[in-house]
Amino acid sequence: FNGDSAHVADRITRFRDEIFKNMLEATSTNRNALVLGLVSIALAYQVSAWRKRGAMAERAQRGSWEKFDRVMAKVRDVPPLPGDER
């Protein structure tokens, strides 16, 4: 894919929505279309997740452990709320 992440994510979302719409129209007459539609939707979600992983990797490269430690040092040292012990 070429272009910025937001543009690509928007195109994937529109593509996924179009596939879902077509799947709903086709399912009234053809069971195979249902299966193909579900596979297409699953593929669109996987492509979206793949793109997000790339964006997260880029952000991780810009990160700084020193800045992270500074921020975490500001967090109060208190026991977890009931139910959050794990």
PDB file of N, CA and C in Angstrom:
ATOM      1  N   PHE A   1       0.832  -1.189   0.000  1.00  0.00           N
ATOM      2  CA  PHE A   1       0.000   0.000   0.000  1.00  0.00           C
ATOM      3  C   PHE A   1       0.871   1.244   0.000  1.00  0.00           C
ATOM      4  N   ASN A   2       0.445   2.229  -0.734  1.00  0.00           N
ATOM      5  CA  ASN A   2       1.151   3.510  -0.722  1.00  0.00           C
ATOM      6  C   ASN A   2       0.252   4.537  -0.066  1.00  0.00           C
ATOM      7  N   GLY A   3       0.823   5.497   0.604  1.00  0.00           N
ATOM      8  CA  GLY A   3       0.039   6.556   1.224  1.00  0.00           C
ATOM      9  C   GLY A   3       0.117   6.480   2.724  1.00  0.00           C
ATOM     10  N   ASP A   4      -0.513   7.472   3.357  1.00  0.00           N
ATOM     11  CA  ASP A   4      -0.450   7.513   4.810  1.00  0.00           C
ATOM     12  C   ASP A   4      -1.410   6.502   5.424  1.00  0.00           C
ATOM     13  N   SER A   5      -1.186   6.168   6.672  1.00  0.00           N
ATOM     14  CA  SER A   5      -1.946   5.123   7.359  1.00  0.00           C
ATOM     15  C   SER A   5      -3.427   5.461   7.463  1.00  0.00           C
ATOM     16  N   ALA A   6      -3.757   6.715   7.726  1.00  0.00           N
ATOM     17  CA  ALA A   6      -5.167   7.096   7.863  1.00  0.00           C
ATOM     18  C   ALA A   6      -5.904   6.896   6.547  1.00  0.00           C
ATOM     19  N   HIS A   7      -5.267   7.260   5.444  1.00  0.00           N
ATOM     20  CA  HIS A   7      -5.894   7.104   4.129  1.00  0.00           C
ATOM     21  C   HIS A   7      -6.104   5.618   3.824  1.00  0.00           C
ATOM     22  N   VAL A   8      -5.094   4.819   4.094  1.00  0.00           N
ATOM     23  CA  VAL A   8      -5.191   3.381   3.842  1.00  0.00           C
ATOM     24  C   VAL A   8      -6.267   2.762   4.723  1.00  0.00           C
ATOM     25  N   ALA A   9      -6.306   3.138   5.993  1.00  0.00           N
ATOM     26  CA  ALA A   9      -7.321   2.591   6.898  1.00  0.00           C
ATOM     27  C   ALA A   9      -8.718   2.960   6.428  1.00  0.00           C
ATOM     28  N   ASP A  10      -8.899   4.186   5.929  1.00  0.00           N
ATOM     29  CA  ASP A  10     -10.201   4.617   5.417  1.00  0.00           C
ATOM     30  C   ASP A  10     -10.607   3.784   4.208  1.00  0.00           C
ATOM     31  N   ARG A  11      -9.645   3.533   3.313  1.00  0.00           N
ATOM     32  CA  ARG A  11      -9.954   2.720   2.127  1.00  0.00           C
ATOM     33  C   ARG A  11     -10.302   1.287   2.512  1.00  0.00           C
ATOM     34  N   ILE A  12      -9.587   0.737   3.489  1.00  0.00           N
ATOM     35  CA  ILE A  12      -9.876  -0.628   3.935  1.00  0.00           C
ATOM     36  C   ILE A  12     -11.260  -0.685   4.556  1.00  0.00           C
ATOM     37  N   THR A  13     -11.612   0.316   5.354  1.00  0.00           N
ATOM     38  CA  THR A  13     -12.932   0.347   5.985  1.00  0.00           C
ATOM     39  C   THR A  13     -14.031   0.414   4.931  1.00  0.00           C
ATOM     40  N   ARG A  14     -13.853   1.269   3.937  1.00  0.00           N
ATOM     41  CA  ARG A  14     -14.862   1.368   2.876  1.00  0.00           C
ATOM     42  C   ARG A  14     -14.945   0.066   2.095  1.00  0.00           C
ATOM     43  N   PHE A  15     -13.804  -0.555   1.832  1.00  0.00           N
ATOM     44  CA  PHE A  15     -13.761  -1.829   1.127  1.00  0.00           C
ATOM     45  C   PHE A  15     -14.496  -2.902   1.930  1.00  0.00           C
ATOM     46  N   ARG A  16     -14.233  -2.950   3.230  1.00  0.00           N
ATOM     47  CA  ARG A  16     -14.891  -3.921   4.103  1.00  0.00           C
ATOM     48  C   ARG A  16     -16.391  -3.698   4.123  1.00  0.00           C
ATOM     49  N   ASP A  17     -16.822  -2.451   4.246  1.00  0.00           N
ATOM     50  CA  ASP A  17     -18.248  -2.146   4.279  1.00  0.00           C
ATOM     51  C   ASP A  17     -18.932  -2.535   2.977  1.00  0.00           C
ATOM     52  N   GLU A  18     -18.262  -2.313   1.854  1.00  0.00           N
ATOM     53  CA  GLU A  18     -18.830  -2.686   0.555  1.00  0.00           C
ATOM     54  C   GLU A  18     -18.951  -4.201   0.443  1.00  0.00           C
ATOM     55  N   ILE A  19     -17.944  -4.911   0.904  1.00  0.00           N
ATOM     56  CA  ILE A  19     -18.005  -6.382   0.884  1.00  0.00           C
ATOM     57  C   ILE A  19     -19.172  -6.867   1.739  1.00  0.00           C
ATOM     58  N   PHE A  20     -19.333  -6.289   2.926  1.00  0.00           N
ATOM     59  CA  PHE A  20     -20.420  -6.704   3.809  1.00  0.00           C
ATOM     60  C   PHE A  20     -21.772  -6.433   3.166  1.00  0.00           C
ATOM     61  N   LYS A  21     -21.927  -5.274   2.552  1.00  0.00           N
ATOM     62  CA  LYS A  21     -23.188  -4.939   1.887  1.00  0.00           C
ATOM     63  C   LYS A  21     -23.485  -5.939   0.769  1.00  0.00           C
ATOM     64  N   ASN A  22     -22.473  -6.230  -0.038  1.00  0.00           N
ATOM     65  CA  ASN A  22     -22.658  -7.197  -1.124  1.00  0.00           C
ATOM     66  C   ASN A  22     -22.981  -8.581  -0.587  1.00  0.00           C
ATOM     67  N   MET A  23     -22.345  -8.947   0.516  1.00  0.00           N
ATOM     68  CA  MET A  23     -22.605 -10.248   1.110  1.00  0.00           C
ATOM     69  C   MET A  23     -24.061 -10.355   1.555  1.00  0.00           C
ATOM     70  N   LEU A  24     -24.566  -9.312   2.194  1.00  0.00           N
ATOM     71  CA  LEU A  24     -25.949  -9.338   2.647  1.00  0.00           C
ATOM     72  C   LEU A  24     -26.918  -9.453   1.480  1.00  0.00           C
ATOM     73  N   GLU A  25     -26.632  -8.753   0.394  1.00  0.00           N
ATOM     74  CA  GLU A  25     -27.493  -8.830  -0.786  1.00  0.00           C
ATOM     75  C   GLU A  25     -27.460 -10.224  -1.404  1.00  0.00           C
ATOM     76  N   ALA A  26     -26.292 -10.837  -1.418  1.00  0.00           N
ATOM     77  CA  ALA A  26     -26.135 -12.129  -2.074  1.00  0.00           C
ATOM     78  C   ALA A  26     -26.644 -13.295  -1.245  1.00  0.00           C
ATOM     79  N   THR A  27     -26.671 -13.152   0.071  1.00  0.00           N
ATOM     80  CA  THR A  27     -27.027 -14.302   0.920  1.00  0.00           C
ATOM     81  C   THR A  27     -28.475 -14.719   0.762  1.00  0.00           C
ATOM     82  N   SER A  28     -29.308 -13.840   0.311  1.00  0.00           N
ATOM     83  CA  SER A  28     -30.706 -14.221   0.154  1.00  0.00           C
ATOM     84  C   SER A  28     -30.884 -15.244  -0.953  1.00  0.00           C
ATOM     85  N   THR A  29     -29.924 -15.376  -1.869  1.00  0.00           N
ATOM     86  CA  THR A  29     -30.074 -16.309  -2.982  1.00  0.00           C
ATOM     87  C   THR A  29     -28.978 -17.360  -3.066  1.00  0.00           C
ATOM     88  N   ASN A  30     -27.870 -17.181  -2.359  1.00  0.00           N
ATOM     89  CA  ASN A  30     -26.743 -18.081  -2.590  1.00  0.00           C
ATOM     90  C   ASN A  30     -25.936 -18.288  -1.311  1.00  0.00           C
ATOM     91  N   ARG A  31     -25.907 -19.533  -0.822  1.00  0.00           N
ATOM     92  CA  ARG A  31     -25.135 -19.827   0.391  1.00  0.00           C
ATOM     93  C   ARG A  31     -23.636 -19.685   0.169  1.00  0.00           C
ATOM     94  N   ASN A  32     -23.159 -20.006  -1.014  1.00  0.00           N
ATOM     95  CA  ASN A  32     -21.730 -19.859  -1.296  1.00  0.00           C
ATOM     96  C   ASN A  32     -21.297 -18.405  -1.173  1.00  0.00           C
ATOM     97  N   ALA A  33     -22.178 -17.494  -1.533  1.00  0.00           N
ATOM     98  CA  ALA A  33     -21.859 -16.075  -1.414  1.00  0.00           C
ATOM     99  C   ALA A  33     -21.653 -15.703   0.051  1.00  0.00           C
ATOM    100  N   LEU A  34     -22.419 -16.343   0.938  1.00  0.00           N
ATOM    101  CA  LEU A  34     -22.264 -16.079   2.369  1.00  0.00           C
ATOM    102  C   LEU A  34     -20.855 -16.453   2.816  1.00  0.00           C
ATOM    103  N   VAL A  35     -20.416 -17.625   2.431  1.00  0.00           N
ATOM    104  CA  VAL A  35     -19.080 -18.081   2.819  1.00  0.00           C
ATOM    105  C   VAL A  35     -18.016 -17.166   2.216  1.00  0.00           C
ATOM    106  N   LEU A  36     -18.135 -16.847   0.948  1.00  0.00           N
ATOM    107  CA  LEU A  36     -17.161 -15.964   0.305  1.00  0.00           C
ATOM    108  C   LEU A  36     -17.171 -14.582   0.942  1.00  0.00           C
ATOM    109  N   GLY A  37     -18.351 -14.110   1.296  1.00  0.00           N
ATOM    110  CA  GLY A  37     -18.451 -12.808   1.953  1.00  0.00           C
ATOM    111  C   GLY A  37     -17.775 -12.811   3.306  1.00  0.00           C
ATOM    112  N   LEU A  38     -17.999 -13.867   4.076  1.00  0.00           N
ATOM    113  CA  LEU A  38     -17.360 -13.953   5.392  1.00  0.00           C
ATOM    114  C   LEU A  38     -15.850 -14.030   5.272  1.00  0.00           C
ATOM    115  N   VAL A  39     -15.370 -14.786   4.305  1.00  0.00           N
ATOM    116  CA  VAL A  39     -13.924 -14.875   4.074  1.00  0.00           C
ATOM    117  C   VAL A  39     -13.385 -13.504   3.676  1.00  0.00           C
ATOM    118  N   SER A  40     -14.105 -12.788   2.832  1.00  0.00           N
ATOM    119  CA  SER A  40     -13.659 -11.457   2.405  1.00  0.00           C
ATOM    120  C   SER A  40     -13.594 -10.490   3.579  1.00  0.00           C
ATOM    121  N   ILE A  41     -14.595 -10.551   4.444  1.00  0.00           N
ATOM    122  CA  ILE A  41     -14.594  -9.677   5.617  1.00  0.00           C
ATOM    123  C   ILE A  41     -13.421 -10.024   6.534  1.00  0.00           C
ATOM    124  N   ALA A  42     -13.200 -11.304   6.748  1.00  0.00           N
ATOM    125  CA  ALA A  42     -12.077 -11.727   7.589  1.00  0.00           C
ATOM    126  C   ALA A  42     -10.753 -11.247   6.991  1.00  0.00           C
ATOM    127  N   LEU A  43     -10.626 -11.335   5.677  1.00  0.00           N
ATOM    128  CA  LEU A  43      -9.406 -10.874   5.011  1.00  0.00           C
ATOM    129  C   LEU A  43      -9.234  -9.367   5.193  1.00  0.00           C
ATOM    130  N   ALA A  44     -10.320  -8.613   5.051  1.00  0.00           N
ATOM    131  CA  ALA A  44     -10.236  -7.160   5.217  1.00  0.00           C
ATOM    132  C   ALA A  44      -9.793  -6.804   6.631  1.00  0.00           C
ATOM    133  N   TYR A  45     -10.317  -7.514   7.619  1.00  0.00           N
ATOM    134  CA  TYR A  45      -9.904  -7.259   9.002  1.00  0.00           C
ATOM    135  C   TYR A  45      -8.432  -7.599   9.205  1.00  0.00           C
ATOM    136  N   GLN A  46      -7.967  -8.681   8.607  1.00  0.00           N
ATOM    137  CA  GLN A  46      -6.570  -9.064   8.753  1.00  0.00           C
ATOM    138  C   GLN A  46      -5.645  -8.038   8.101  1.00  0.00           C
ATOM    139  N   VAL A  47      -6.041  -7.522   6.934  1.00  0.00           N
ATOM    140  CA  VAL A  47      -5.237  -6.489   6.277  1.00  0.00           C
ATOM    141  C   VAL A  47      -5.179  -5.253   7.159  1.00  0.00           C
ATOM    142  N   SER A  48      -6.314  -4.899   7.746  1.00  0.00           N
ATOM    143  CA  SER A  48      -6.356  -3.740   8.636  1.00  0.00           C
ATOM    144  C   SER A  48      -5.438  -3.952   9.835  1.00  0.00           C
ATOM    145  N   ALA A  49      -5.488  -5.135  10.422  1.00  0.00           N
ATOM    146  CA  ALA A  49      -4.632  -5.438  11.567  1.00  0.00           C
ATOM    147  C   ALA A  49      -3.160  -5.411  11.158  1.00  0.00           C
ATOM    148  N   TRP A  50      -2.861  -5.913   9.968  1.00  0.00           N
ATOM    149  CA  TRP A  50      -1.492  -5.907   9.475  1.00  0.00           C
ATOM    150  C   TRP A  50      -0.975  -4.484   9.354  1.00  0.00           C
ATOM    151  N   ARG A  51      -1.808  -3.582   8.835  1.00  0.00           N
ATOM    152  CA  ARG A  51      -1.410  -2.184   8.693  1.00  0.00           C
ATOM    153  C   ARG A  51      -1.197  -1.549  10.064  1.00  0.00           C
ATOM    154  N   LYS A  52      -2.045  -1.879  11.020  1.00  0.00           N
ATOM    155  CA  LYS A  52      -1.897  -1.303  12.361  1.00  0.00           C
ATOM    156  C   LYS A  52      -0.602  -1.772  13.013  1.00  0.00           C
ATOM    157  N   ARG A  53      -0.229  -3.042  12.788  1.00  0.00           N
ATOM    158  CA  ARG A  53       1.033  -3.539  13.342  1.00  0.00           C
ATOM    159  C   ARG A  53       2.202  -2.733  12.800  1.00  0.00           C
ATOM    160  N   GLY A  54       2.160  -2.415  11.504  1.00  0.00           N
ATOM    161  CA  GLY A  54       3.219  -1.613  10.914  1.00  0.00           C
ATOM    162  C   GLY A  54       3.284  -0.230  11.537  1.00  0.00           C
ATOM    163  N   ALA A  55       2.129   0.371  11.765  1.00  0.00           N
ATOM    164  CA  ALA A  55       2.087   1.703  12.372  1.00  0.00           C
ATOM    165  C   ALA A  55       2.611   1.645  13.804  1.00  0.00           C
ATOM    166  N   MET A  56       2.273   0.594  14.525  1.00  0.00           N
ATOM    167  CA  MET A  56       2.751   0.461  15.904  1.00  0.00           C
ATOM    168  C   MET A  56       4.261   0.261  15.934  1.00  0.00           C
ATOM    169  N   ALA A  57       4.791  -0.478  14.979  1.00  0.00           N
ATOM    170  CA  ALA A  57       6.244  -0.679  14.919  1.00  0.00           C
ATOM    171  C   ALA A  57       6.958   0.648  14.653  1.00  0.00           C
ATOM    172  N   GLU A  58       6.368   1.466  13.772  1.00  0.00           N
ATOM    173  CA  GLU A  58       6.960   2.783  13.500  1.00  0.00           C
ATOM    174  C   GLU A  58       6.952   3.644  14.762  1.00  0.00           C
ATOM    175  N   ARG A  59       5.845   3.607  15.493  1.00  0.00           N
ATOM    176  CA  ARG A  59       5.759   4.394  16.725  1.00  0.00           C
ATOM    177  C   ARG A  59       6.741   3.884  17.767  1.00  0.00           C
ATOM    178  N   ALA A  60       6.918   2.574  17.831  1.00  0.00           N
ATOM    179  CA  ALA A  60       7.849   1.996  18.805  1.00  0.00           C
ATOM    180  C   ALA A  60       9.277   2.465  18.535  1.00  0.00           C
ATOM    181  N   GLN A  61       9.626   2.608  17.270  1.00  0.00           N
ATOM    182  CA  GLN A  61      10.967   3.074  16.928  1.00  0.00           C
ATOM    183  C   GLN A  61      11.195   4.510  17.388  1.00  0.00           C
ATOM    184  N   ARG A  62      10.132   5.305  17.437  1.00  0.00           N
ATOM    185  CA  ARG A  62      10.257   6.695  17.870  1.00  0.00           C
ATOM    186  C   ARG A  62      10.229   6.812  19.390  1.00  0.00           C
ATOM    187  N   GLY A  63       9.870   5.726  20.066  1.00  0.00           N
ATOM    188  CA  GLY A  63       9.733   5.754  21.517  1.00  0.00           C
ATOM    189  C   GLY A  63      11.062   5.860  22.237  1.00  0.00           C
ATOM    190  N   SER A  64      10.954   6.176  23.528  1.00  0.00           N
ATOM    191  CA  SER A  64      12.152   6.321  24.355  1.00  0.00           C
ATOM    192  C   SER A  64      11.877   5.684  25.710  1.00  0.00           C
ATOM    193  N   TRP A  65      12.723   4.746  26.100  1.00  0.00           N
ATOM    194  CA  TRP A  65      12.549   4.105  27.403  1.00  0.00           C
ATOM    195  C   TRP A  65      12.758   5.104  28.535  1.00  0.00           C
ATOM    196  N   GLU A  66      13.613   6.069  28.319  1.00  0.00           N
ATOM    197  CA  GLU A  66      13.847   7.078  29.359  1.00  0.00           C
ATOM    198  C   GLU A  66      12.569   7.889  29.613  1.00  0.00           C
ATOM    199  N   LYS A  67      11.905   8.302  28.531  1.00  0.00           N
ATOM    200  CA  LYS A  67      10.645   9.049  28.680  1.00  0.00           C
ATOM    201  C   LYS A  67       9.578   8.176  29.327  1.00  0.00           C
ATOM    202  N   PHE A  68       9.531   6.902  28.934  1.00  0.00           N
ATOM    203  CA  PHE A  68       8.569   5.978  29.526  1.00  0.00           C
ATOM    204  C   PHE A  68       8.798   5.869  31.031  1.00  0.00           C
ATOM    205  N   ASP A  69      10.058   5.695  31.435  1.00  0.00           N
ATOM    206  CA  ASP A  69      10.374   5.578  32.863  1.00  0.00           C
ATOM    207  C   ASP A  69      10.007   6.849  33.624  1.00  0.00           C
ATOM    208  N   ARG A  70      10.229   8.012  33.005  1.00  0.00           N
ATOM    209  CA  ARG A  70       9.856   9.280  33.653  1.00  0.00           C
ATOM    210  C   ARG A  70       8.352   9.353  33.888  1.00  0.00           C
ATOM    211  N   VAL A  71       7.573   8.962  32.906  1.00  0.00           N
ATOM    212  CA  VAL A  71       6.110   8.996  33.036  1.00  0.00           C
ATOM    213  C   VAL A  71       5.656   7.973  34.078  1.00  0.00           C
ATOM    214  N   MET A  72       6.202   6.772  34.017  1.00  0.00           N
ATOM    215  CA  MET A  72       5.783   5.727  34.956  1.00  0.00           C
ATOM    216  C   MET A  72       6.159   6.083  36.397  1.00  0.00           C
ATOM    217  N   ALA A  73       7.196   6.864  36.579  1.00  0.00           N
ATOM    218  CA  ALA A  73       7.603   7.286  37.921  1.00  0.00           C
ATOM    219  C   ALA A  73       6.549   8.186  38.557  1.00  0.00           C
ATOM    220  N   LYS A  74       5.704   8.787  37.758  1.00  0.00           N
ATOM    221  CA  LYS A  74       4.655   9.678  38.265  1.00  0.00           C
ATOM    222  C   LYS A  74       3.406   8.921  38.730  1.00  0.00           C
ATOM    223  N   VAL A  75       3.324   7.640  38.399  1.00  0.00           N
ATOM    224  CA  VAL A  75       2.151   6.837  38.765  1.00  0.00           C
ATOM    225  C   VAL A  75       2.212   6.509  40.249  1.00  0.00           C
ATOM    226  N   ARG A  76       1.083   6.721  40.933  1.00  0.00           N
ATOM    227  CA  ARG A  76       1.043   6.444  42.370  1.00  0.00           C
ATOM    228  C   ARG A  76       1.240   4.955  42.638  1.00  0.00           C
ATOM    229  N   ASP A  77       1.907   4.646  43.722  1.00  0.00           N
ATOM    230  CA  ASP A  77       2.144   3.264  44.114  1.00  0.00           C
ATOM    231  C   ASP A  77       1.058   2.869  45.117  1.00  0.00           C
ATOM    232  N   VAL A  78      -0.086   2.414  44.598  1.00  0.00           N
ATOM    233  CA  VAL A  78      -1.207   2.021  45.439  1.00  0.00           C
ATOM    234  C   VAL A  78      -1.650   0.617  45.025  1.00  0.00           C
ATOM    235  N   PRO A  79      -2.280  -0.103  45.943  1.00  0.00           N
ATOM    236  CA  PRO A  79      -2.753  -1.441  45.573  1.00  0.00           C
ATOM    237  C   PRO A  79      -3.871  -1.352  44.537  1.00  0.00           C
ATOM    238  N   PRO A  80      -4.049  -2.404  43.722  1.00  0.00           N
ATOM    239  CA  PRO A  80      -5.104  -2.385  42.714  1.00  0.00           C
ATOM    240  C   PRO A  80      -6.496  -2.367  43.349  1.00  0.00           C
ATOM    241  N   LEU A  81      -7.452  -1.894  42.586  1.00  0.00           N
ATOM    242  CA  LEU A  81      -8.838  -1.915  43.047  1.00  0.00           C
ATOM    243  C   LEU A  81      -9.325  -3.348  43.101  1.00  0.00           C
ATOM    244  N   PRO A  82     -10.324  -3.631  43.936  1.00  0.00           N
ATOM    245  CA  PRO A  82     -10.870  -5.000  43.986  1.00  0.00           C
ATOM    246  C   PRO A  82     -11.312  -5.460  42.599  1.00  0.00           C
ATOM    247  N   GLY A  83     -10.887  -6.649  42.229  1.00  0.00           N
ATOM    248  CA  GLY A  83     -11.210  -7.192  40.911  1.00  0.00           C
ATOM    249  C   GLY A  83     -10.104  -6.982  39.893  1.00  0.00           C
ATOM    250  N   ASP A  84      -9.159  -6.077  40.183  1.00  0.00           N
ATOM    251  CA  ASP A  84      -8.058  -5.783  39.261  1.00  0.00           C
ATOM    252  C   ASP A  84      -6.746  -6.397  39.739  1.00  0.00           C
ATOM    253  N   GLU A  85      -6.793  -7.336  40.679  1.00  0.00           N
ATOM    254  CA  GLU A  85      -5.580  -7.870  41.290  1.00  0.00           C
ATOM    255  C   GLU A  85      -4.704  -8.630  40.293  1.00  0.00           C
ATOM    256  N   ARG A  86      -5.256  -9.213  39.301  1.00  0.00           N
ATOM    257  CA  ARG A  86      -4.475 -10.047  38.381  1.00  0.00           C
ATOM    258  C   ARG A  86      -3.525  -9.256  37.585  1.00  0.00           C
TER     259      ARG A  86
END
